[in-house]
């Protein structure tokens, strides 16, 4: 029975990316495999202000830079390591 409260039970995921980025593609694929359906993708190659914001938020210049909720996960390797430790799904859970 649908009580009208069926929302994505996962925290929002935001990823700073560029168009040609194999690590971005890999990170998006892993998140999709773990059930992430909505991804706020910010293309920093199209918006210099967003690139600067990413650097200010993370202290990093490389992409992807991934946030799950308010937590800065880091890049693709950080995301994969989190998953291998079995911690990704818990972080995604709302």
PDB file of N, CA and C in Angstrom:
ATOM      1  N   UNK A   1       0.845  -1.176   0.000  1.00  0.00           N
ATOM      2  CA  UNK A   1       0.000   0.000   0.000  1.00  0.00           C
ATOM      3  C   UNK A   1       0.894   1.244   0.000  1.00  0.00           C
ATOM      4  N   UNK A   2       0.585   2.204  -0.873  1.00  0.00           N
ATOM      5  CA  UNK A   2       1.379   3.411  -0.994  1.00  0.00           C
ATOM      6  C   UNK A   2       0.781   4.487  -0.104  1.00  0.00           C
ATOM      7  N   UNK A   3       1.566   4.932   0.890  1.00  0.00           N
ATOM      8  CA  UNK A   3       1.068   5.951   1.803  1.00  0.00           C
ATOM      9  C   UNK A   3       1.505   7.356   1.384  1.00  0.00           C
ATOM     10  N   UNK A   4       2.053   7.476   0.182  1.00  0.00           N
ATOM     11  CA  UNK A   4       2.484   8.765  -0.312  1.00  0.00           C
ATOM     12  C   UNK A   4       3.845   9.197   0.177  1.00  0.00           C
ATOM     13  N   UNK A   5       4.507   8.369   0.971  1.00  0.00           N
ATOM     14  CA  UNK A   5       5.808   8.725   1.536  1.00  0.00           C
ATOM     15  C   UNK A   5       6.950   7.987   0.865  1.00  0.00           C
ATOM     16  N   UNK A   6       6.694   7.373  -0.268  1.00  0.00           N
ATOM     17  CA  UNK A   6       7.741   6.607  -0.941  1.00  0.00           C
ATOM     18  C   UNK A   6       8.691   7.552  -1.652  1.00  0.00           C
ATOM     19  N   UNK A   7       9.787   7.825  -1.004  1.00  0.00           N
ATOM     20  CA  UNK A   7      10.836   8.643  -1.586  1.00  0.00           C
ATOM     21  C   UNK A   7      12.097   7.799  -1.643  1.00  0.00           C
ATOM     22  N   UNK A   8      13.072   8.297  -2.359  1.00  0.00           N
ATOM     23  CA  UNK A   8      14.349   7.613  -2.410  1.00  0.00           C
ATOM     24  C   UNK A   8      14.912   7.561  -0.991  1.00  0.00           C
ATOM     25  N   UNK A   9      15.125   6.352  -0.441  1.00  0.00           N
ATOM     26  CA  UNK A   9      15.585   6.238   0.940  1.00  0.00           C
ATOM     27  C   UNK A   9      17.074   6.536   1.099  1.00  0.00           C
ATOM     28  N   UNK A  10      17.707   7.056   0.075  1.00  0.00           N
ATOM     29  CA  UNK A  10      19.136   7.336   0.136  1.00  0.00           C
ATOM     30  C   UNK A  10      19.387   8.829   0.272  1.00  0.00           C
ATOM     31  N   UNK A  11      20.532   9.133   0.871  1.00  0.00           N
ATOM     32  CA  UNK A  11      20.957  10.520   0.956  1.00  0.00           C
ATOM     33  C   UNK A  11      21.233  11.053  -0.444  1.00  0.00           C
ATOM     34  N   UNK A  12      21.122  12.353  -0.625  1.00  0.00           N
ATOM     35  CA  UNK A  12      21.443  12.924  -1.931  1.00  0.00           C
ATOM     36  C   UNK A  12      22.929  12.762  -2.235  1.00  0.00           C
ATOM     37  N   UNK A  13      23.227  12.537  -3.499  1.00  0.00           N
ATOM     38  CA  UNK A  13      24.611  12.382  -3.949  1.00  0.00           C
ATOM     39  C   UNK A  13      24.903  13.487  -4.952  1.00  0.00           C
ATOM     40  N   UNK A  14      26.001  14.187  -4.703  1.00  0.00           N
ATOM     41  CA  UNK A  14      26.440  15.256  -5.597  1.00  0.00           C
ATOM     42  C   UNK A  14      27.838  14.911  -6.077  1.00  0.00           C
ATOM     43  N   UNK A  15      28.058  15.063  -7.382  1.00  0.00           N
ATOM     44  CA  UNK A  15      29.355  14.729  -7.940  1.00  0.00           C
ATOM     45  C   UNK A  15      29.806  15.834  -8.886  1.00  0.00           C
ATOM     46  N   UNK A  16      30.982  16.357  -8.631  1.00  0.00           N
ATOM     47  CA  UNK A  16      31.606  17.312  -9.534  1.00  0.00           C
ATOM     48  C   UNK A  16      32.348  16.511 -10.592  1.00  0.00           C
ATOM     49  N   UNK A  17      32.070  16.803 -11.881  1.00  0.00           N
ATOM     50  CA  UNK A  17      32.600  16.003 -12.979  1.00  0.00           C
ATOM     51  C   UNK A  17      33.036  16.894 -14.142  1.00  0.00           C
ATOM     52  N   UNK A  18      33.632  16.231 -15.122  1.00  0.00           N
ATOM     53  CA  UNK A  18      33.865  16.831 -16.436  1.00  0.00           C
ATOM     54  C   UNK A  18      33.341  15.852 -17.477  1.00  0.00           C
ATOM     55  N   UNK A  19      33.232  16.317 -18.724  1.00  0.00           N
ATOM     56  CA  UNK A  19      32.657  15.470 -19.773  1.00  0.00           C
ATOM     57  C   UNK A  19      33.499  14.218 -20.021  1.00  0.00           C
ATOM     58  N   UNK A  20      34.795  14.399 -20.168  1.00  0.00           N
ATOM     59  CA  UNK A  20      35.676  13.274 -20.491  1.00  0.00           C
ATOM     60  C   UNK A  20      36.458  12.919 -19.232  1.00  0.00           C
ATOM     61  N   UNK A  21      35.938  11.966 -18.494  1.00  0.00           N
ATOM     62  CA  UNK A  21      36.559  11.603 -17.214  1.00  0.00           C
ATOM     63  C   UNK A  21      36.226  10.146 -16.910  1.00  0.00           C
ATOM     64  N   UNK A  22      37.160   9.228 -17.177  1.00  0.00           N
ATOM     65  CA  UNK A  22      36.873   7.816 -16.924  1.00  0.00           C
ATOM     66  C   UNK A  22      36.599   7.502 -15.453  1.00  0.00           C
ATOM     67  N   UNK A  23      37.208   8.250 -14.553  1.00  0.00           N
ATOM     68  CA  UNK A  23      36.957   8.014 -13.127  1.00  0.00           C
ATOM     69  C   UNK A  23      35.550   8.460 -12.741  1.00  0.00           C
ATOM     70  N   UNK A  24      35.054   9.505 -13.388  1.00  0.00           N
ATOM     71  CA  UNK A  24      33.673   9.946 -13.151  1.00  0.00           C
ATOM     72  C   UNK A  24      32.700   8.870 -13.615  1.00  0.00           C
ATOM     73  N   UNK A  25      32.958   8.316 -14.778  1.00  0.00           N
ATOM     74  CA  UNK A  25      32.106   7.262 -15.327  1.00  0.00           C
ATOM     75  C   UNK A  25      32.108   6.048 -14.394  1.00  0.00           C
ATOM     76  N   UNK A  26      33.287   5.677 -13.918  1.00  0.00           N
ATOM     77  CA  UNK A  26      33.390   4.522 -13.003  1.00  0.00           C
ATOM     78  C   UNK A  26      32.633   4.789 -11.700  1.00  0.00           C
ATOM     79  N   UNK A  27      32.792   5.982 -11.160  1.00  0.00           N
ATOM     80  CA  UNK A  27      32.107   6.320  -9.904  1.00  0.00           C
ATOM     81  C   UNK A  27      30.596   6.308 -10.093  1.00  0.00           C
ATOM     82  N   UNK A  28      30.108   6.878 -11.204  1.00  0.00           N
ATOM     83  CA  UNK A  28      28.669   6.871 -11.470  1.00  0.00           C
ATOM     84  C   UNK A  28      28.144   5.445 -11.620  1.00  0.00           C
ATOM     85  N   UNK A  29      28.918   4.591 -12.263  1.00  0.00           N
ATOM     86  CA  UNK A  29      28.500   3.201 -12.442  1.00  0.00           C
ATOM     87  C   UNK A  29      28.406   2.487 -11.096  1.00  0.00           C
ATOM     88  N   UNK A  30      29.385   2.694 -10.227  1.00  0.00           N
ATOM     89  CA  UNK A  30      29.355   2.056  -8.906  1.00  0.00           C
ATOM     90  C   UNK A  30      28.153   2.552  -8.103  1.00  0.00           C
ATOM     91  N   UNK A  31      27.911   3.841  -8.123  1.00  0.00           N
ATOM     92  CA  UNK A  31      26.765   4.375  -7.396  1.00  0.00           C
ATOM     93  C   UNK A  31      25.460   3.809  -7.934  1.00  0.00           C
ATOM     94  N   UNK A  32      25.357   3.686  -9.252  1.00  0.00           N
ATOM     95  CA  UNK A  32      24.153   3.095  -9.853  1.00  0.00           C
ATOM     96  C   UNK A  32      23.989   1.647  -9.420  1.00  0.00           C
ATOM     97  N   UNK A  33      25.091   0.906  -9.374  1.00  0.00           N
ATOM     98  CA  UNK A  33      25.039  -0.496  -8.928  1.00  0.00           C
ATOM     99  C   UNK A  33      24.566  -0.603  -7.487  1.00  0.00           C
ATOM    100  N   UNK A  34      24.831   0.428  -6.700  1.00  0.00           N
ATOM    101  CA  UNK A  34      24.433   0.419  -5.287  1.00  0.00           C
ATOM    102  C   UNK A  34      23.056   1.045  -5.079  1.00  0.00           C
ATOM    103  N   UNK A  35      22.366   1.347  -6.188  1.00  0.00           N
ATOM    104  CA  UNK A  35      20.982   1.788  -6.085  1.00  0.00           C
ATOM    105  C   UNK A  35      20.749   3.283  -6.145  1.00  0.00           C
ATOM    106  N   UNK A  36      21.780   4.064  -6.357  1.00  0.00           N
ATOM    107  CA  UNK A  36      21.592   5.510  -6.461  1.00  0.00           C
ATOM    108  C   UNK A  36      20.886   5.803  -7.777  1.00  0.00           C
ATOM    109  N   UNK A  37      19.721   6.417  -7.673  1.00  0.00           N
ATOM    110  CA  UNK A  37      18.927   6.722  -8.860  1.00  0.00           C
ATOM    111  C   UNK A  37      19.021   8.185  -9.256  1.00  0.00           C
ATOM    112  N   UNK A  38      19.254   9.038  -8.295  1.00  0.00           N
ATOM    113  CA  UNK A  38      19.335  10.472  -8.570  1.00  0.00           C
ATOM    114  C   UNK A  38      20.723  10.972  -8.189  1.00  0.00           C
ATOM    115  N   UNK A  39      21.366  11.590  -9.150  1.00  0.00           N
ATOM    116  CA  UNK A  39      22.716  12.099  -8.940  1.00  0.00           C
ATOM    117  C   UNK A  39      22.743  13.551  -9.389  1.00  0.00           C
ATOM    118  N   UNK A  40      23.145  14.429  -8.494  1.00  0.00           N
ATOM    119  CA  UNK A  40      23.297  15.838  -8.840  1.00  0.00           C
ATOM    120  C   UNK A  40      24.703  15.991  -9.414  1.00  0.00           C
ATOM    121  N   UNK A  41      24.787  16.019 -10.741  1.00  0.00           N
ATOM    122  CA  UNK A  41      26.080  16.087 -11.422  1.00  0.00           C
ATOM    123  C   UNK A  41      26.376  17.535 -11.790  1.00  0.00           C
ATOM    124  N   UNK A  42      27.515  18.035 -11.304  1.00  0.00           N
ATOM    125  CA  UNK A  42      27.926  19.406 -11.560  1.00  0.00           C
ATOM    126  C   UNK A  42      29.120  19.364 -12.496  1.00  0.00           C
ATOM    127  N   UNK A  43      28.926  19.847 -13.708  1.00  0.00           N
ATOM    128  CA  UNK A  43      29.976  19.818 -14.736  1.00  0.00           C
ATOM    129  C   UNK A  43      30.874  21.043 -14.579  1.00  0.00           C
ATOM    130  N   UNK A  44      32.038  20.854 -14.008  1.00  0.00           N
ATOM    131  CA  UNK A  44      32.933  21.986 -13.775  1.00  0.00           C
ATOM    132  C   UNK A  44      33.663  22.426 -15.043  1.00  0.00           C
ATOM    133  N   UNK A  45      33.630  21.609 -16.086  1.00  0.00           N
ATOM    134  CA  UNK A  45      34.236  22.026 -17.353  1.00  0.00           C
ATOM    135  C   UNK A  45      33.350  23.036 -18.083  1.00  0.00           C
ATOM    136  N   UNK A  46      32.113  23.161 -17.658  1.00  0.00           N
ATOM    137  CA  UNK A  46      31.181  24.099 -18.278  1.00  0.00           C
ATOM    138  C   UNK A  46      30.969  25.358 -17.446  1.00  0.00           C
ATOM    139  N   UNK A  47      31.435  25.338 -16.202  1.00  0.00           N
ATOM    140  CA  UNK A  47      31.146  26.448 -15.298  1.00  0.00           C
ATOM    141  C   UNK A  47      32.346  26.699 -14.378  1.00  0.00           C
ATOM    142  N   UNK A  48      33.099  27.756 -14.679  1.00  0.00           N
ATOM    143  CA  UNK A  48      34.306  28.068 -13.903  1.00  0.00           C
ATOM    144  C   UNK A  48      33.981  28.374 -12.441  1.00  0.00           C
ATOM    145  N   UNK A  49      32.824  28.985 -12.190  1.00  0.00           N
ATOM    146  CA  UNK A  49      32.440  29.302 -10.813  1.00  0.00           C
ATOM    147  C   UNK A  49      32.228  28.017 -10.010  1.00  0.00           C
ATOM    148  N   UNK A  50      31.644  26.995 -10.635  1.00  0.00           N
ATOM    149  CA  UNK A  50      31.448  25.712  -9.947  1.00  0.00           C
ATOM    150  C   UNK A  50      32.793  25.016  -9.707  1.00  0.00           C
ATOM    151  N   UNK A  51      33.722  25.152 -10.649  1.00  0.00           N
ATOM    152  CA  UNK A  51      35.070  24.595 -10.447  1.00  0.00           C
ATOM    153  C   UNK A  51      35.698  25.224  -9.209  1.00  0.00           C
ATOM    154  N   UNK A  52      35.598  26.556  -9.109  1.00  0.00           N
ATOM    155  CA  UNK A  52      36.174  27.255  -7.957  1.00  0.00           C
ATOM    156  C   UNK A  52      35.480  26.821  -6.663  1.00  0.00           C
ATOM    157  N   UNK A  53      34.162  26.669  -6.713  1.00  0.00           N
ATOM    158  CA  UNK A  53      33.415  26.219  -5.527  1.00  0.00           C
ATOM    159  C   UNK A  53      33.877  24.838  -5.090  1.00  0.00           C
ATOM    160  N   UNK A  54      34.084  23.926  -6.060  1.00  0.00           N
ATOM    161  CA  UNK A  54      34.560  22.580  -5.745  1.00  0.00           C
ATOM    162  C   UNK A  54      35.912  22.644  -5.044  1.00  0.00           C
ATOM    163  N   UNK A  55      36.808  23.475  -5.553  1.00  0.00           N
ATOM    164  CA  UNK A  55      38.141  23.599  -4.957  1.00  0.00           C
ATOM    165  C   UNK A  55      38.039  24.144  -3.537  1.00  0.00           C
ATOM    166  N   UNK A  56      37.168  25.144  -3.349  1.00  0.00           N
ATOM    167  CA  UNK A  56      36.986  25.716  -2.010  1.00  0.00           C
ATOM    168  C   UNK A  56      36.405  24.694  -1.036  1.00  0.00           C
ATOM    169  N   UNK A  57      35.460  23.885  -1.501  1.00  0.00           N
ATOM    170  CA  UNK A  57      34.814  22.891  -0.636  1.00  0.00           C
ATOM    171  C   UNK A  57      35.729  21.720  -0.284  1.00  0.00           C
ATOM    172  N   UNK A  58      36.555  21.318  -1.254  1.00  0.00           N
ATOM    173  CA  UNK A  58      37.305  20.068  -1.088  1.00  0.00           C
ATOM    174  C   UNK A  58      38.806  20.249  -0.928  1.00  0.00           C
ATOM    175  N   UNK A  59      39.327  21.368  -1.391  1.00  0.00           N
ATOM    176  CA  UNK A  59      40.774  21.547  -1.402  1.00  0.00           C
ATOM    177  C   UNK A  59      41.438  20.748  -2.514  1.00  0.00           C
ATOM    178  N   UNK A  60      40.644  20.180  -3.407  1.00  0.00           N
ATOM    179  CA  UNK A  60      41.155  19.346  -4.498  1.00  0.00           C
ATOM    180  C   UNK A  60      40.768  19.942  -5.842  1.00  0.00           C
ATOM    181  N   UNK A  61      41.581  19.628  -6.850  1.00  0.00           N
ATOM    182  CA  UNK A  61      41.337  20.128  -8.204  1.00  0.00           C
ATOM    183  C   UNK A  61      40.916  19.021  -9.169  1.00  0.00           C
ATOM    184  N   UNK A  62      40.982  17.770  -8.728  1.00  0.00           N
ATOM    185  CA  UNK A  62      40.691  16.649  -9.607  1.00  0.00           C
ATOM    186  C   UNK A  62      39.224  16.233  -9.506  1.00  0.00           C
ATOM    187  N   UNK A  63      38.740  15.595 -10.569  1.00  0.00           N
ATOM    188  CA  UNK A  63      37.378  15.056 -10.570  1.00  0.00           C
ATOM    189  C   UNK A  63      37.446  13.550 -10.735  1.00  0.00           C
ATOM    190  N   UNK A  64      36.431  12.857 -10.240  1.00  0.00           N
ATOM    191  CA  UNK A  64      35.257  13.408  -9.584  1.00  0.00           C
ATOM    192  C   UNK A  64      35.546  13.785  -8.133  1.00  0.00           C
ATOM    193  N   UNK A  65      34.718  14.653  -7.614  1.00  0.00           N
ATOM    194  CA  UNK A  65      34.651  14.921  -6.180  1.00  0.00           C
ATOM    195  C   UNK A  65      33.220  14.608  -5.789  1.00  0.00           C
ATOM    196  N   UNK A  66      33.074  13.699  -4.831  1.00  0.00           N
ATOM    197  CA  UNK A  66      31.770  13.117  -4.514  1.00  0.00           C
ATOM    198  C   UNK A  66      31.353  13.478  -3.095  1.00  0.00           C
ATOM    199  N   UNK A  67      30.112  13.907  -2.985  1.00  0.00           N
ATOM    200  CA  UNK A  67      29.496  14.175  -1.685  1.00  0.00           C
ATOM    201  C   UNK A  67      28.293  13.267  -1.538  1.00  0.00           C
ATOM    202  N   UNK A  68      28.178  12.636  -0.377  1.00  0.00           N
ATOM    203  CA  UNK A  68      26.985  11.860  -0.031  1.00  0.00           C
ATOM    204  C   UNK A  68      26.383  12.558   1.178  1.00  0.00           C
ATOM    205  N   UNK A  69      25.217  13.150   0.966  1.00  0.00           N
ATOM    206  CA  UNK A  69      24.677  14.027   2.003  1.00  0.00           C
ATOM    207  C   UNK A  69      25.661  15.171   2.191  1.00  0.00           C
ATOM    208  N   UNK A  70      26.059  15.428   3.415  1.00  0.00           N
ATOM    209  CA  UNK A  70      27.020  16.496   3.706  1.00  0.00           C
ATOM    210  C   UNK A  70      28.454  15.987   3.799  1.00  0.00           C
ATOM    211  N   UNK A  71      28.658  14.698   3.565  1.00  0.00           N
ATOM    212  CA  UNK A  71      29.980  14.083   3.723  1.00  0.00           C
ATOM    213  C   UNK A  71      30.748  14.114   2.405  1.00  0.00           C
ATOM    214  N   UNK A  72      31.939  14.700   2.434  1.00  0.00           N
ATOM    215  CA  UNK A  72      32.814  14.669   1.260  1.00  0.00           C
ATOM    216  C   UNK A  72      33.538  13.324   1.262  1.00  0.00           C
ATOM    217  N   UNK A  73      33.179  12.477   0.313  1.00  0.00           N
ATOM    218  CA  UNK A  73      33.773  11.145   0.197  1.00  0.00           C
ATOM    219  C   UNK A  73      35.161  11.242  -0.408  1.00  0.00           C
ATOM    220  N   UNK A  74      35.325  12.116  -1.385  1.00  0.00           N
ATOM    221  CA  UNK A  74      36.586  12.243  -2.106  1.00  0.00           C
ATOM    222  C   UNK A  74      36.370  11.896  -3.559  1.00  0.00           C
ATOM    223  N   UNK A  75      37.367  11.238  -4.156  1.00  0.00           N
ATOM    224  CA  UNK A  75      37.301  10.874  -5.560  1.00  0.00           C
ATOM    225  C   UNK A  75      36.848   9.446  -5.771  1.00  0.00           C
ATOM    226  N   UNK A  76      37.055   8.968  -6.982  1.00  0.00           N
ATOM    227  CA  UNK A  76      36.624   7.619  -7.354  1.00  0.00           C
ATOM    228  C   UNK A  76      37.316   6.554  -6.509  1.00  0.00           C
ATOM    229  N   UNK A  77      38.632   6.673  -6.346  1.00  0.00           N
ATOM    230  CA  UNK A  77      39.354   5.681  -5.542  1.00  0.00           C
ATOM    231  C   UNK A  77      38.846   5.647  -4.106  1.00  0.00           C
ATOM    232  N   UNK A  78      38.513   6.811  -3.576  1.00  0.00           N
ATOM    233  CA  UNK A  78      37.968   6.880  -2.211  1.00  0.00           C
ATOM    234  C   UNK A  78      36.605   6.198  -2.137  1.00  0.00           C
ATOM    235  N   UNK A  79      35.787   6.402  -3.167  1.00  0.00           N
ATOM    236  CA  UNK A  79      34.472   5.778  -3.221  1.00  0.00           C
ATOM    237  C   UNK A  79      34.591   4.260  -3.303  1.00  0.00           C
ATOM    238  N   UNK A  80      35.485   3.779  -4.147  1.00  0.00           N
ATOM    239  CA  UNK A  80      35.700   2.334  -4.297  1.00  0.00           C
ATOM    240  C   UNK A  80      36.210   1.742  -2.989  1.00  0.00           C
ATOM    241  N   UNK A  81      37.136   2.425  -2.330  1.00  0.00           N
ATOM    242  CA  UNK A  81      37.662   1.929  -1.051  1.00  0.00           C
ATOM    243  C   UNK A  81      36.561   1.865   0.005  1.00  0.00           C
ATOM    244  N   UNK A  82      35.705   2.873   0.031  1.00  0.00           N
ATOM    245  CA  UNK A  82      34.583   2.893   0.967  1.00  0.00           C
ATOM    246  C   UNK A  82      33.672   1.697   0.725  1.00  0.00           C
ATOM    247  N   UNK A  83      33.419   1.405  -0.542  1.00  0.00           N
ATOM    248  CA  UNK A  83      32.577   0.265  -0.901  1.00  0.00           C
ATOM    249  C   UNK A  83      33.240  -1.051  -0.504  1.00  0.00           C
ATOM    250  N   UNK A  84      34.522  -1.188  -0.770  1.00  0.00           N
ATOM    251  CA  UNK A  84      35.246  -2.433  -0.434  1.00  0.00           C
ATOM    252  C   UNK A  84      35.285  -2.692   1.063  1.00  0.00           C
ATOM    253  N   UNK A  85      35.283  -1.615   1.848  1.00  0.00           N
ATOM    254  CA  UNK A  85      35.246  -1.768   3.309  1.00  0.00           C
ATOM    255  C   UNK A  85      33.836  -2.063   3.812  1.00  0.00           C
ATOM    256  N   UNK A  86      32.858  -2.034   2.895  1.00  0.00           N
ATOM    257  CA  UNK A  86      31.479  -2.299   3.279  1.00  0.00           C
ATOM    258  C   UNK A  86      30.787  -1.121   3.932  1.00  0.00           C
ATOM    259  N   UNK A  87      31.307   0.086   3.728  1.00  0.00           N
ATOM    260  CA  UNK A  87      30.771   1.257   4.393  1.00  0.00           C
ATOM    261  C   UNK A  87      29.921   2.154   3.491  1.00  0.00           C
ATOM    262  N   UNK A  88      29.935   1.897   2.190  1.00  0.00           N
ATOM    263  CA  UNK A  88      29.224   2.782   1.263  1.00  0.00           C
ATOM    264  C   UNK A  88      27.717   2.736   1.480  1.00  0.00           C
ATOM    265  N   UNK A  89      27.140   1.556   1.581  1.00  0.00           N
ATOM    266  CA  UNK A  89      25.691   1.446   1.709  1.00  0.00           C
ATOM    267  C   UNK A  89      25.187   2.119   2.994  1.00  0.00           C
ATOM    268  N   UNK A  90      25.941   2.004   4.070  1.00  0.00           N
ATOM    269  CA  UNK A  90      25.538   2.651   5.324  1.00  0.00           C
ATOM    270  C   UNK A  90      25.572   4.167   5.176  1.00  0.00           C
ATOM    271  N   UNK A  91      26.570   4.669   4.456  1.00  0.00           N
ATOM    272  CA  UNK A  91      26.656   6.112   4.258  1.00  0.00           C
ATOM    273  C   UNK A  91      25.519   6.607   3.359  1.00  0.00           C
ATOM    274  N   UNK A  92      25.154   5.803   2.363  1.00  0.00           N
ATOM    275  CA  UNK A  92      24.066   6.179   1.463  1.00  0.00           C
ATOM    276  C   UNK A  92      22.691   6.156   2.153  1.00  0.00           C
ATOM    277  N   UNK A  93      22.540   5.261   3.125  1.00  0.00           N
ATOM    278  CA  UNK A  93      21.231   5.104   3.787  1.00  0.00           C
ATOM    279  C   UNK A  93      20.855   6.385   4.498  1.00  0.00           C
ATOM    280  N   UNK A  94      19.598   6.747   4.349  1.00  0.00           N
ATOM    281  CA  UNK A  94      19.124   7.995   4.969  1.00  0.00           C
ATOM    282  C   UNK A  94      18.675   7.756   6.379  1.00  0.00           C
TER     283      UNK A  94
END
